[in-house]
Amino acid sequence: MWPSLPYKKWKDTKNTLHMWMQIIGKVKLELSPFLNQWWEVAFYVSATGITTGKIPYNGELLQIDFDFQKHILIFSTSWGKQNTLPLKPQTVATFYGQFTKTLKSMGIDVSIWPTPVEVENPIPFAKDTTHLSYDNKYVEQWWHILVKTIVVFEQFRTSFRGKSSPVQFYWGSFDLNSTRFSGKKVTPPAYRGTMGKIMKYAENEENFAFGFWPGDEKFPHPAFYSYLYPQPSGFDTISLSDGASFNEKLGECILPYEIVIKSNTPEKVLMHFLDSTYHESAKLAKWDMKALHTEVPVIH
């Protein structure tokens, strides 16, 4: 079963978890060497929750895991240090203090920019007593959606032989995402401040991106999305799968999550959305489809 995820019922939990993840994401950003399109900062869906994956530190490795089965934060190191923190209703300020104290107790000294990014009206972590919700039920439902989604996304990736990202979770925008690249360089969009720095390297190549996000105040519904950047002429009129539509405000093709879970074959509905929007948009942008795709071997 694909679980439901009513935005209004879990938005407070989502917003709190988003801030917690930004704290840990900034640690990974600070300690990891740069990779194209900021791939080094991303998290990954795991069999128990979400993980930072390996983070280098003084010639060793640190890993931090959100375990959404036991609802604990797990710290692990290659030099044998381990620790945990409970995931429970508490303010961002409290979580930030406990997290920082735990790192120091393990011999990890790292400084981060202590304010969230990619959100409106950011509150410094140490002063954030606004976000304090954590509902186990909805966290688990959201994570199970990511698990089921990543299985489809990984299948969708199989035939593409060009440059493509892993399926990654971005803590800045709080969405699951993967990207295909045509190989063409483009001029990134002009933004000021932090977003300008992000976009300078995130959108400097022509790409087709797809993903899942759980909704926000601008679009208060969980949904799957896809888009091609730069947007080719006619993209807003491409043929879409049933239930999907082009959202002019977002500039993306949107497939509401509710459409998927109401189907008898949700995986097929999602795959059709990905296939159709990719092929239609890549055709408009004149991608070399023969060069970018390969036959998928069948192994028994």
C-alpha atoms as a PDB file:
ATOM      1  CA  MET A   1       0.000   0.000   0.000  1.00  0.00           C
ATOM      2  CA  TRP A   2       1.088   3.543  -0.779  1.00  0.00           C
ATOM      3  CA  PRO A   3       0.168   5.475   2.406  1.00  0.00           C
ATOM      4  CA  SER A   4      -1.749   8.747   2.432  1.00  0.00           C
ATOM      5  CA  LEU A   5       0.020  11.987   3.342  1.00  0.00           C
ATOM      6  CA  PRO A   6      -2.408  14.863   3.999  1.00  0.00           C
ATOM      7  CA  TYR A   7      -0.303  18.006   3.948  1.00  0.00           C
ATOM      8  CA  LYS A   8      -2.280  19.977   6.527  1.00  0.00           C
ATOM      9  CA  LYS A   9      -2.098  17.159   9.087  1.00  0.00           C
ATOM     10  CA  TRP A  10       1.652  16.703   8.962  1.00  0.00           C
ATOM     11  CA  LYS A  11       3.021  20.080   7.814  1.00  0.00           C
ATOM     12  CA  ASP A  12       4.175  21.053  11.329  1.00  0.00           C
ATOM     13  CA  THR A  13       6.103  17.801  11.646  1.00  0.00           C
ATOM     14  CA  LYS A  14       7.468  18.215   8.128  1.00  0.00           C
ATOM     15  CA  ASN A  15       8.680  21.736   8.819  1.00  0.00           C
ATOM     16  CA  THR A  16      10.403  20.688  12.054  1.00  0.00           C
ATOM     17  CA  LEU A  17      12.066  17.673  10.437  1.00  0.00           C
ATOM     18  CA  HIS A  18      13.149  19.895   7.549  1.00  0.00           C
ATOM     19  CA  MET A  19      15.028  22.167   9.942  1.00  0.00           C
ATOM     20  CA  TRP A  20      16.663  19.232  11.751  1.00  0.00           C
ATOM     21  CA  MET A  21      17.834  17.842   8.421  1.00  0.00           C
ATOM     22  CA  GLN A  22      19.246  21.189   7.392  1.00  0.00           C
ATOM     23  CA  ILE A  23      21.443  21.215  10.499  1.00  0.00           C
ATOM     24  CA  ILE A  24      22.914  17.837   9.611  1.00  0.00           C
ATOM     25  CA  GLY A  25      23.041  18.649   5.909  1.00  0.00           C
ATOM     26  CA  LYS A  26      25.165  21.696   6.616  1.00  0.00           C
ATOM     27  CA  VAL A  27      27.666  19.495   8.444  1.00  0.00           C
ATOM     28  CA  LYS A  28      27.939  17.307   5.361  1.00  0.00           C
ATOM     29  CA  LEU A  29      28.270  20.383   3.132  1.00  0.00           C
ATOM     30  CA  GLU A  30      31.080  21.761   5.307  1.00  0.00           C
ATOM     31  CA  LEU A  31      33.101  18.531   5.444  1.00  0.00           C
ATOM     32  CA  SER A  32      32.591  17.009   1.975  1.00  0.00           C
ATOM     33  CA  PRO A  33      34.571  17.841  -1.195  1.00  0.00           C
ATOM     34  CA  PHE A  34      32.513  19.445  -3.954  1.00  0.00           C
ATOM     35  CA  LEU A  35      30.845  17.328  -6.638  1.00  0.00           C
ATOM     36  CA  ASN A  36      29.100  18.612  -9.756  1.00  0.00           C
ATOM     37  CA  GLN A  37      25.569  19.927  -9.178  1.00  0.00           C
ATOM     38  CA  TRP A  38      26.167  19.771  -5.386  1.00  0.00           C
ATOM     39  CA  TRP A  39      25.767  15.985  -5.308  1.00  0.00           C
ATOM     40  CA  GLU A  40      28.054  15.797  -2.285  1.00  0.00           C
ATOM     41  CA  VAL A  41      25.462  17.448  -0.006  1.00  0.00           C
ATOM     42  CA  ALA A  42      22.603  15.046  -0.688  1.00  0.00           C
ATOM     43  CA  PHE A  43      21.163  12.400   1.628  1.00  0.00           C
ATOM     44  CA  TYR A  44      19.944   8.939   0.593  1.00  0.00           C
ATOM     45  CA  VAL A  45      16.905   6.823   1.376  1.00  0.00           C
ATOM     46  CA  SER A  46      17.883   3.723   3.355  1.00  0.00           C
ATOM     47  CA  ALA A  47      16.165   0.553   4.579  1.00  0.00           C
ATOM     48  CA  THR A  48      15.510   2.213   7.947  1.00  0.00           C
ATOM     49  CA  GLY A  49      15.162   5.900   7.111  1.00  0.00           C
ATOM     50  CA  ILE A  50      17.467   8.484   5.560  1.00  0.00           C
ATOM     51  CA  THR A  51      21.261   8.547   5.734  1.00  0.00           C
ATOM     52  CA  THR A  52      23.946  11.112   5.074  1.00  0.00           C
ATOM     53  CA  GLY A  53      26.144   8.387   3.655  1.00  0.00           C
ATOM     54  CA  LYS A  54      29.870   8.773   4.226  1.00  0.00           C
ATOM     55  CA  ILE A  55      31.186  12.143   5.429  1.00  0.00           C
ATOM     56  CA  PRO A  56      34.989  12.552   5.507  1.00  0.00           C
ATOM     57  CA  TYR A  57      36.529  13.843   8.731  1.00  0.00           C
ATOM     58  CA  ASN A  58      40.278  14.005   9.470  1.00  0.00           C
ATOM     59  CA  GLY A  59      41.071  11.046   7.250  1.00  0.00           C
ATOM     60  CA  GLU A  60      38.230   8.964   8.702  1.00  0.00           C
ATOM     61  CA  LEU A  61      34.480   8.670   8.040  1.00  0.00           C
ATOM     62  CA  LEU A  62      31.384   9.925   9.835  1.00  0.00           C
ATOM     63  CA  GLN A  63      27.827   8.833   9.054  1.00  0.00           C
ATOM     64  CA  ILE A  64      24.566  10.127  10.515  1.00  0.00           C
ATOM     65  CA  ASP A  65      21.326   8.198  10.065  1.00  0.00           C
ATOM     66  CA  PHE A  66      17.711   9.145  10.661  1.00  0.00           C
ATOM     67  CA  ASP A  67      16.174   5.836  11.750  1.00  0.00           C
ATOM     68  CA  PHE A  68      12.435   6.230  11.182  1.00  0.00           C
ATOM     69  CA  GLN A  69      11.620   2.760  12.478  1.00  0.00           C
ATOM     70  CA  LYS A  70      13.094   3.324  15.939  1.00  0.00           C
ATOM     71  CA  HIS A  71      12.870   7.117  15.674  1.00  0.00           C
ATOM     72  CA  ILE A  72      16.421   7.811  16.685  1.00  0.00           C
ATOM     73  CA  LEU A  73      19.325   9.715  15.163  1.00  0.00           C
ATOM     74  CA  ILE A  74      22.388   7.489  14.906  1.00  0.00           C
ATOM     75  CA  PHE A  75      25.973   8.759  14.812  1.00  0.00           C
ATOM     76  CA  SER A  76      28.601   6.289  13.552  1.00  0.00           C
ATOM     77  CA  THR A  77      32.313   6.719  12.869  1.00  0.00           C
ATOM     78  CA  SER A  78      35.077   4.657  11.329  1.00  0.00           C
ATOM     79  CA  TRP A  79      37.147   5.151  14.513  1.00  0.00           C
ATOM     80  CA  GLY A  80      34.591   3.302  16.632  1.00  0.00           C
ATOM     81  CA  LYS A  81      32.617   6.146  18.220  1.00  0.00           C
ATOM     82  CA  GLN A  82      28.831   5.772  18.238  1.00  0.00           C
ATOM     83  CA  ASN A  83      25.973   7.736  19.738  1.00  0.00           C
ATOM     84  CA  THR A  84      22.220   8.287  19.401  1.00  0.00           C
ATOM     85  CA  LEU A  85      19.654  10.997  19.983  1.00  0.00           C
ATOM     86  CA  PRO A  86      15.879  10.488  20.217  1.00  0.00           C
ATOM     87  CA  LEU A  87      13.642  11.868  17.491  1.00  0.00           C
ATOM     88  CA  LYS A  88      10.711  13.299  19.403  1.00  0.00           C
ATOM     89  CA  PRO A  89       8.680  16.520  19.756  1.00  0.00           C
ATOM     90  CA  GLN A  90      11.201  19.230  20.609  1.00  0.00           C
ATOM     91  CA  THR A  91      12.218  22.638  19.334  1.00  0.00           C
ATOM     92  CA  VAL A  92      14.829  23.110  16.647  1.00  0.00           C
ATOM     93  CA  ALA A  93      16.871  25.079  19.193  1.00  0.00           C
ATOM     94  CA  THR A  94      16.868  22.107  21.599  1.00  0.00           C
ATOM     95  CA  PHE A  95      17.731  19.635  18.838  1.00  0.00           C
ATOM     96  CA  TYR A  96      20.523  21.893  17.578  1.00  0.00           C
ATOM     97  CA  GLY A  97      22.036  22.162  21.044  1.00  0.00           C
ATOM     98  CA  GLN A  98      21.917  18.400  21.650  1.00  0.00           C
ATOM     99  CA  PHE A  99      23.257  17.625  18.178  1.00  0.00           C
ATOM    100  CA  THR A 100      26.190  20.017  18.540  1.00  0.00           C
ATOM    101  CA  LYS A 101      27.008  18.693  22.011  1.00  0.00           C
ATOM    102  CA  THR A 102      26.953  15.103  20.741  1.00  0.00           C
ATOM    103  CA  LEU A 103      29.360  15.865  17.895  1.00  0.00           C
ATOM    104  CA  LYS A 104      31.803  17.514  20.290  1.00  0.00           C
ATOM    105  CA  SER A 105      31.594  14.567  22.699  1.00  0.00           C
ATOM    106  CA  MET A 106      32.684  12.324  19.807  1.00  0.00           C
ATOM    107  CA  GLY A 107      35.677  14.524  19.000  1.00  0.00           C
ATOM    108  CA  ILE A 108      34.107  16.133  15.937  1.00  0.00           C
ATOM    109  CA  ASP A 109      34.735  19.864  15.611  1.00  0.00           C
ATOM    110  CA  VAL A 110      32.869  21.535  12.746  1.00  0.00           C
ATOM    111  CA  SER A 111      31.396  25.002  12.217  1.00  0.00           C
ATOM    112  CA  ILE A 112      28.330  25.579  10.037  1.00  0.00           C
ATOM    113  CA  TRP A 113      26.297  28.558   8.899  1.00  0.00           C
ATOM    114  CA  PRO A 114      23.606  28.280  11.629  1.00  0.00           C
ATOM    115  CA  THR A 115      20.624  29.475   9.594  1.00  0.00           C
ATOM    116  CA  PRO A 116      18.432  27.421   7.229  1.00  0.00           C
ATOM    117  CA  VAL A 117      18.416  28.004   3.461  1.00  0.00           C
ATOM    118  CA  GLU A 118      15.832  27.685   0.676  1.00  0.00           C
ATOM    119  CA  VAL A 119      12.984  28.630   3.033  1.00  0.00           C
ATOM    120  CA  GLU A 120      11.069  31.848   3.581  1.00  0.00           C
ATOM    121  CA  ASN A 121      11.665  33.801   6.787  1.00  0.00           C
ATOM    122  CA  PRO A 122      14.535  31.605   8.036  1.00  0.00           C
ATOM    123  CA  ILE A 123      15.074  31.416  11.795  1.00  0.00           C
ATOM    124  CA  PRO A 124      18.587  30.727  13.121  1.00  0.00           C
ATOM    125  CA  PHE A 125      18.682  27.205  14.531  1.00  0.00           C
ATOM    126  CA  ALA A 126      19.696  28.282  18.034  1.00  0.00           C
ATOM    127  CA  LYS A 127      16.717  30.659  18.231  1.00  0.00           C
ATOM    128  CA  ASP A 128      14.071  28.485  16.581  1.00  0.00           C
ATOM    129  CA  THR A 129      11.428  27.650  19.174  1.00  0.00           C
ATOM    130  CA  THR A 130       8.665  27.806  16.538  1.00  0.00           C
ATOM    131  CA  HIS A 131       9.193  24.398  14.968  1.00  0.00           C
ATOM    132  CA  LEU A 132       8.724  21.681  17.592  1.00  0.00           C
ATOM    133  CA  SER A 133       6.457  18.962  16.186  1.00  0.00           C
ATOM    134  CA  TYR A 134       7.281  15.328  15.525  1.00  0.00           C
ATOM    135  CA  ASP A 135       4.512  12.834  14.765  1.00  0.00           C
ATOM    136  CA  ASN A 136       5.884   9.292  14.361  1.00  0.00           C
ATOM    137  CA  LYS A 137       2.922   8.174  12.283  1.00  0.00           C
ATOM    138  CA  TYR A 138       3.290  10.771   9.565  1.00  0.00           C
ATOM    139  CA  VAL A 139       7.073  10.560   9.497  1.00  0.00           C
ATOM    140  CA  GLU A 140       6.791   6.836   8.860  1.00  0.00           C
ATOM    141  CA  GLN A 141       4.153   7.327   6.149  1.00  0.00           C
ATOM    142  CA  TRP A 142       6.280   9.941   4.389  1.00  0.00           C
ATOM    143  CA  TRP A 143       9.358   7.718   4.562  1.00  0.00           C
ATOM    144  CA  HIS A 144       7.452   4.716   3.199  1.00  0.00           C
ATOM    145  CA  ILE A 145       6.396   6.863   0.237  1.00  0.00           C
ATOM    146  CA  LEU A 146      10.062   7.638  -0.407  1.00  0.00           C
ATOM    147  CA  VAL A 147      10.911   3.935  -0.228  1.00  0.00           C
ATOM    148  CA  LYS A 148       8.249   2.962  -2.756  1.00  0.00           C
ATOM    149  CA  THR A 149       9.068   5.950  -4.956  1.00  0.00           C
ATOM    150  CA  ILE A 150      12.783   5.224  -5.117  1.00  0.00           C
ATOM    151  CA  VAL A 151      12.083   1.707  -6.414  1.00  0.00           C
ATOM    152  CA  VAL A 152      10.233   3.203  -9.393  1.00  0.00           C
ATOM    153  CA  PHE A 153      12.811   5.952  -9.901  1.00  0.00           C
ATOM    154  CA  GLU A 154      15.664   3.442  -9.970  1.00  0.00           C
ATOM    155  CA  GLN A 155      13.830   1.392 -12.572  1.00  0.00           C
ATOM    156  CA  PHE A 156      13.271   4.515 -14.669  1.00  0.00           C
ATOM    157  CA  ARG A 157      17.016   5.241 -14.624  1.00  0.00           C
ATOM    158  CA  THR A 158      18.091   1.923 -16.127  1.00  0.00           C
ATOM    159  CA  SER A 159      18.213   2.656 -19.871  1.00  0.00           C
ATOM    160  CA  PHE A 160      19.860   6.083 -19.644  1.00  0.00           C
ATOM    161  CA  ARG A 161      23.609   5.877 -20.332  1.00  0.00           C
ATOM    162  CA  GLY A 162      24.417   9.592 -20.254  1.00  0.00           C
ATOM    163  CA  LYS A 163      25.403  11.546 -17.161  1.00  0.00           C
ATOM    164  CA  SER A 164      22.744  11.171 -14.473  1.00  0.00           C
ATOM    165  CA  SER A 165      22.561  11.683 -10.744  1.00  0.00           C
ATOM    166  CA  PRO A 166      21.774   9.019  -8.181  1.00  0.00           C
ATOM    167  CA  VAL A 167      18.303   9.239  -6.643  1.00  0.00           C
ATOM    168  CA  GLN A 168      19.026  11.718  -3.873  1.00  0.00           C
ATOM    169  CA  PHE A 169      17.233  13.513  -1.073  1.00  0.00           C
ATOM    170  CA  TYR A 170      18.002  17.217  -0.916  1.00  0.00           C
ATOM    171  CA  TRP A 171      17.672  18.635   2.580  1.00  0.00           C
ATOM    172  CA  GLY A 172      17.514  22.219   1.321  1.00  0.00           C
ATOM    173  CA  SER A 173      14.359  21.777  -0.746  1.00  0.00           C
ATOM    174  CA  PHE A 174      13.198  18.656   1.154  1.00  0.00           C
ATOM    175  CA  ASP A 175      12.525  16.578  -1.954  1.00  0.00           C
ATOM    176  CA  LEU A 176      13.583  13.289  -3.513  1.00  0.00           C
ATOM    177  CA  ASN A 177      15.201  13.952  -6.883  1.00  0.00           C
ATOM    178  CA  SER A 178      17.150  12.537  -9.792  1.00  0.00           C
ATOM    179  CA  THR A 179      18.444  14.280 -12.906  1.00  0.00           C
ATOM    180  CA  ARG A 180      19.450  13.363 -16.447  1.00  0.00           C
ATOM    181  CA  PHE A 181      21.819  15.519 -18.494  1.00  0.00           C
ATOM    182  CA  SER A 182      22.029  15.985 -22.256  1.00  0.00           C
ATOM    183  CA  GLY A 183      25.687  17.015 -22.202  1.00  0.00           C
ATOM    184  CA  LYS A 184      25.014  20.622 -23.249  1.00  0.00           C
ATOM    185  CA  LYS A 185      26.293  23.524 -21.158  1.00  0.00           C
ATOM    186  CA  VAL A 186      23.868  26.372 -20.380  1.00  0.00           C
ATOM    187  CA  THR A 187      23.943  29.698 -18.557  1.00  0.00           C
ATOM    188  CA  PRO A 188      22.458  29.238 -15.059  1.00  0.00           C
ATOM    189  CA  PRO A 189      19.581  31.475 -13.945  1.00  0.00           C
ATOM    190  CA  ALA A 190      20.510  34.707 -12.187  1.00  0.00           C
ATOM    191  CA  TYR A 191      19.709  34.798  -8.466  1.00  0.00           C
ATOM    192  CA  ARG A 192      21.163  36.850  -5.648  1.00  0.00           C
ATOM    193  CA  GLY A 193      22.636  35.576  -2.413  1.00  0.00           C
ATOM    194  CA  THR A 194      22.607  31.907  -1.447  1.00  0.00           C
ATOM    195  CA  MET A 195      20.313  30.832  -4.286  1.00  0.00           C
ATOM    196  CA  GLY A 196      22.687  32.450  -6.771  1.00  0.00           C
ATOM    197  CA  LYS A 197      25.555  30.318  -5.462  1.00  0.00           C
ATOM    198  CA  ILE A 198      23.396  27.193  -5.559  1.00  0.00           C
ATOM    199  CA  MET A 199      22.106  27.764  -9.090  1.00  0.00           C
ATOM    200  CA  LYS A 200      25.543  28.651 -10.467  1.00  0.00           C
ATOM    201  CA  TYR A 201      26.524  25.001 -10.235  1.00  0.00           C
ATOM    202  CA  ALA A 202      23.141  23.257  -9.978  1.00  0.00           C
ATOM    203  CA  GLU A 203      21.724  24.494 -13.287  1.00  0.00           C
ATOM    204  CA  ASN A 204      24.789  24.977 -15.500  1.00  0.00           C
ATOM    205  CA  GLU A 205      23.920  22.044 -17.753  1.00  0.00           C
ATOM    206  CA  GLU A 206      20.790  21.195 -19.729  1.00  0.00           C
ATOM    207  CA  ASN A 207      18.879  18.613 -17.710  1.00  0.00           C
ATOM    208  CA  PHE A 208      15.668  16.713 -17.138  1.00  0.00           C
ATOM    209  CA  ALA A 209      14.806  16.495 -13.442  1.00  0.00           C
ATOM    210  CA  PHE A 210      12.122  14.446 -11.726  1.00  0.00           C
ATOM    211  CA  GLY A 211      11.177  13.881  -8.140  1.00  0.00           C
ATOM    212  CA  PHE A 212       8.713  13.835  -5.261  1.00  0.00           C
ATOM    213  CA  TRP A 213       8.027  16.486  -2.657  1.00  0.00           C
ATOM    214  CA  PRO A 214       5.496  16.426   0.187  1.00  0.00           C
ATOM    215  CA  GLY A 215       4.053  19.900  -0.413  1.00  0.00           C
ATOM    216  CA  ASP A 216       4.615  23.372   0.989  1.00  0.00           C
ATOM    217  CA  GLU A 217       2.589  26.533   1.563  1.00  0.00           C
ATOM    218  CA  LYS A 218       2.838  27.510  -2.119  1.00  0.00           C
ATOM    219  CA  PHE A 219       1.632  24.085  -3.263  1.00  0.00           C
ATOM    220  CA  PRO A 220       0.032  22.322  -0.257  1.00  0.00           C
ATOM    221  CA  HIS A 221      -0.199  18.855  -1.785  1.00  0.00           C
ATOM    222  CA  PRO A 222       2.267  15.973  -2.104  1.00  0.00           C
ATOM    223  CA  ALA A 223       3.144  15.468  -5.750  1.00  0.00           C
ATOM    224  CA  PHE A 224       5.540  14.033  -8.286  1.00  0.00           C
ATOM    225  CA  TYR A 225       7.148  16.520 -10.629  1.00  0.00           C
ATOM    226  CA  SER A 226       9.298  16.718 -13.729  1.00  0.00           C
ATOM    227  CA  TYR A 227      10.768  19.503 -15.822  1.00  0.00           C
ATOM    228  CA  LEU A 228      13.414  20.189 -18.427  1.00  0.00           C
ATOM    229  CA  TYR A 229      15.855  23.052 -17.933  1.00  0.00           C
ATOM    230  CA  PRO A 230      16.126  25.328 -19.824  1.00  0.00           C
ATOM    231  CA  GLN A 231      12.460  24.969 -20.643  1.00  0.00           C
ATOM    232  CA  PRO A 232      12.061  24.381 -24.395  1.00  0.00           C
ATOM    233  CA  SER A 233       9.422  26.194 -26.398  1.00  0.00           C
ATOM    234  CA  GLY A 234       6.141  24.255 -26.272  1.00  0.00           C
ATOM    235  CA  PHE A 235       6.959  22.451 -23.020  1.00  0.00           C
ATOM    236  CA  ASP A 236       3.787  23.794 -21.389  1.00  0.00           C
ATOM    237  CA  THR A 237       1.639  22.045 -24.006  1.00  0.00           C
ATOM    238  CA  ILE A 238       3.237  18.591 -24.121  1.00  0.00           C
ATOM    239  CA  SER A 239       0.981  15.549 -23.948  1.00  0.00           C
ATOM    240  CA  LEU A 240       0.675  14.355 -20.342  1.00  0.00           C
ATOM    241  CA  SER A 241      -0.551  11.203 -18.664  1.00  0.00           C
ATOM    242  CA  ASP A 242      -4.011  11.108 -17.103  1.00  0.00           C
ATOM    243  CA  GLY A 243      -4.238  13.245 -13.979  1.00  0.00           C
ATOM    244  CA  ALA A 244      -1.017  15.137 -14.687  1.00  0.00           C
ATOM    245  CA  SER A 245      -0.873  18.786 -15.678  1.00  0.00           C
ATOM    246  CA  PHE A 246       1.564  21.595 -16.365  1.00  0.00           C
ATOM    247  CA  ASN A 247       1.685  24.028 -13.452  1.00  0.00           C
ATOM    248  CA  GLU A 248       2.435  27.443 -14.899  1.00  0.00           C
ATOM    249  CA  LYS A 249       3.350  28.955 -11.530  1.00  0.00           C
ATOM    250  CA  LEU A 250       5.892  26.221 -10.756  1.00  0.00           C
ATOM    251  CA  GLY A 251       6.966  25.764 -14.369  1.00  0.00           C
ATOM    252  CA  GLU A 252       6.799  21.996 -13.935  1.00  0.00           C
ATOM    253  CA  CYS A 253       4.714  19.000 -14.888  1.00  0.00           C
ATOM    254  CA  ILE A 254       2.826  17.842 -11.817  1.00  0.00           C
ATOM    255  CA  LEU A 255       1.273  14.482 -10.992  1.00  0.00           C
ATOM    256  CA  PRO A 256      -0.640  14.746  -7.690  1.00  0.00           C
ATOM    257  CA  TYR A 257       0.231  11.965  -5.266  1.00  0.00           C
ATOM    258  CA  GLU A 258      -3.481  11.313  -4.678  1.00  0.00           C
ATOM    259  CA  ILE A 259      -3.901  10.368  -8.341  1.00  0.00           C
ATOM    260  CA  VAL A 260      -1.197   7.733  -7.993  1.00  0.00           C
ATOM    261  CA  ILE A 261      -2.475   6.084  -4.817  1.00  0.00           C
ATOM    262  CA  LYS A 262      -6.066   5.934  -6.078  1.00  0.00           C
ATOM    263  CA  SER A 263      -4.912   3.845  -9.025  1.00  0.00           C
ATOM    264  CA  ASN A 264      -4.939   0.044  -9.036  1.00  0.00           C
ATOM    265  CA  THR A 265      -1.412   0.171 -10.469  1.00  0.00           C
ATOM    266  CA  PRO A 266       0.363   3.135  -8.825  1.00  0.00           C
ATOM    267  CA  GLU A 267       3.834   2.092  -9.973  1.00  0.00           C
ATOM    268  CA  LYS A 268       2.686   1.994 -13.621  1.00  0.00           C
ATOM    269  CA  VAL A 269       0.954   5.359 -13.324  1.00  0.00           C
ATOM    270  CA  LEU A 270       4.116   6.945 -11.932  1.00  0.00           C
ATOM    271  CA  MET A 271       6.366   5.284 -14.509  1.00  0.00           C
ATOM    272  CA  HIS A 272       4.119   6.449 -17.346  1.00  0.00           C
ATOM    273  CA  PHE A 273       4.317  10.012 -16.027  1.00  0.00           C
ATOM    274  CA  LEU A 274       8.118   9.876 -15.969  1.00  0.00           C
ATOM    275  CA  ASP A 275       8.413   8.225 -19.391  1.00  0.00           C
ATOM    276  CA  SER A 276       5.956  10.502 -21.151  1.00  0.00           C
ATOM    277  CA  THR A 277       7.219  13.810 -19.763  1.00  0.00           C
ATOM    278  CA  TYR A 278      10.839  12.848 -20.386  1.00  0.00           C
ATOM    279  CA  HIS A 279      10.373  11.737 -23.978  1.00  0.00           C
ATOM    280  CA  GLU A 280       8.099  14.632 -24.899  1.00  0.00           C
ATOM    281  CA  SER A 281      10.358  17.291 -23.402  1.00  0.00           C
ATOM    282  CA  ALA A 282      13.621  15.728 -24.639  1.00  0.00           C
ATOM    283  CA  LYS A 283      12.141  15.602 -28.129  1.00  0.00           C
ATOM    284  CA  LEU A 284      11.322  19.316 -27.952  1.00  0.00           C
ATOM    285  CA  ALA A 285      14.874  20.078 -26.807  1.00  0.00           C
ATOM    286  CA  LYS A 286      16.300  17.866 -29.574  1.00  0.00           C
ATOM    287  CA  TRP A 287      18.244  15.526 -27.301  1.00  0.00           C
ATOM    288  CA  ASP A 288      20.268  12.792 -29.040  1.00  0.00           C
ATOM    289  CA  MET A 289      18.160   9.930 -27.730  1.00  0.00           C
ATOM    290  CA  LYS A 290      20.104   7.209 -29.578  1.00  0.00           C
ATOM    291  CA  ALA A 291      23.380   8.293 -28.029  1.00  0.00           C
ATOM    292  CA  LEU A 292      21.939   8.759 -24.542  1.00  0.00           C
ATOM    293  CA  HIS A 293      20.174   5.409 -24.201  1.00  0.00           C
ATOM    294  CA  THR A 294      21.226   1.788 -24.238  1.00  0.00           C
ATOM    295  CA  GLU A 295      19.580  -1.621 -24.142  1.00  0.00           C
ATOM    296  CA  VAL A 296      18.956  -2.985 -20.663  1.00  0.00           C
ATOM    297  CA  PRO A 297      20.342  -6.538 -20.331  1.00  0.00           C
ATOM    298  CA  VAL A 298      18.150  -9.296 -18.968  1.00  0.00           C
ATOM    299  CA  ILE A 299      20.056 -11.423 -16.451  1.00  0.00           C
ATOM    300  CA  HIS A 300      18.588 -14.579 -14.912  1.00  0.00           C
END
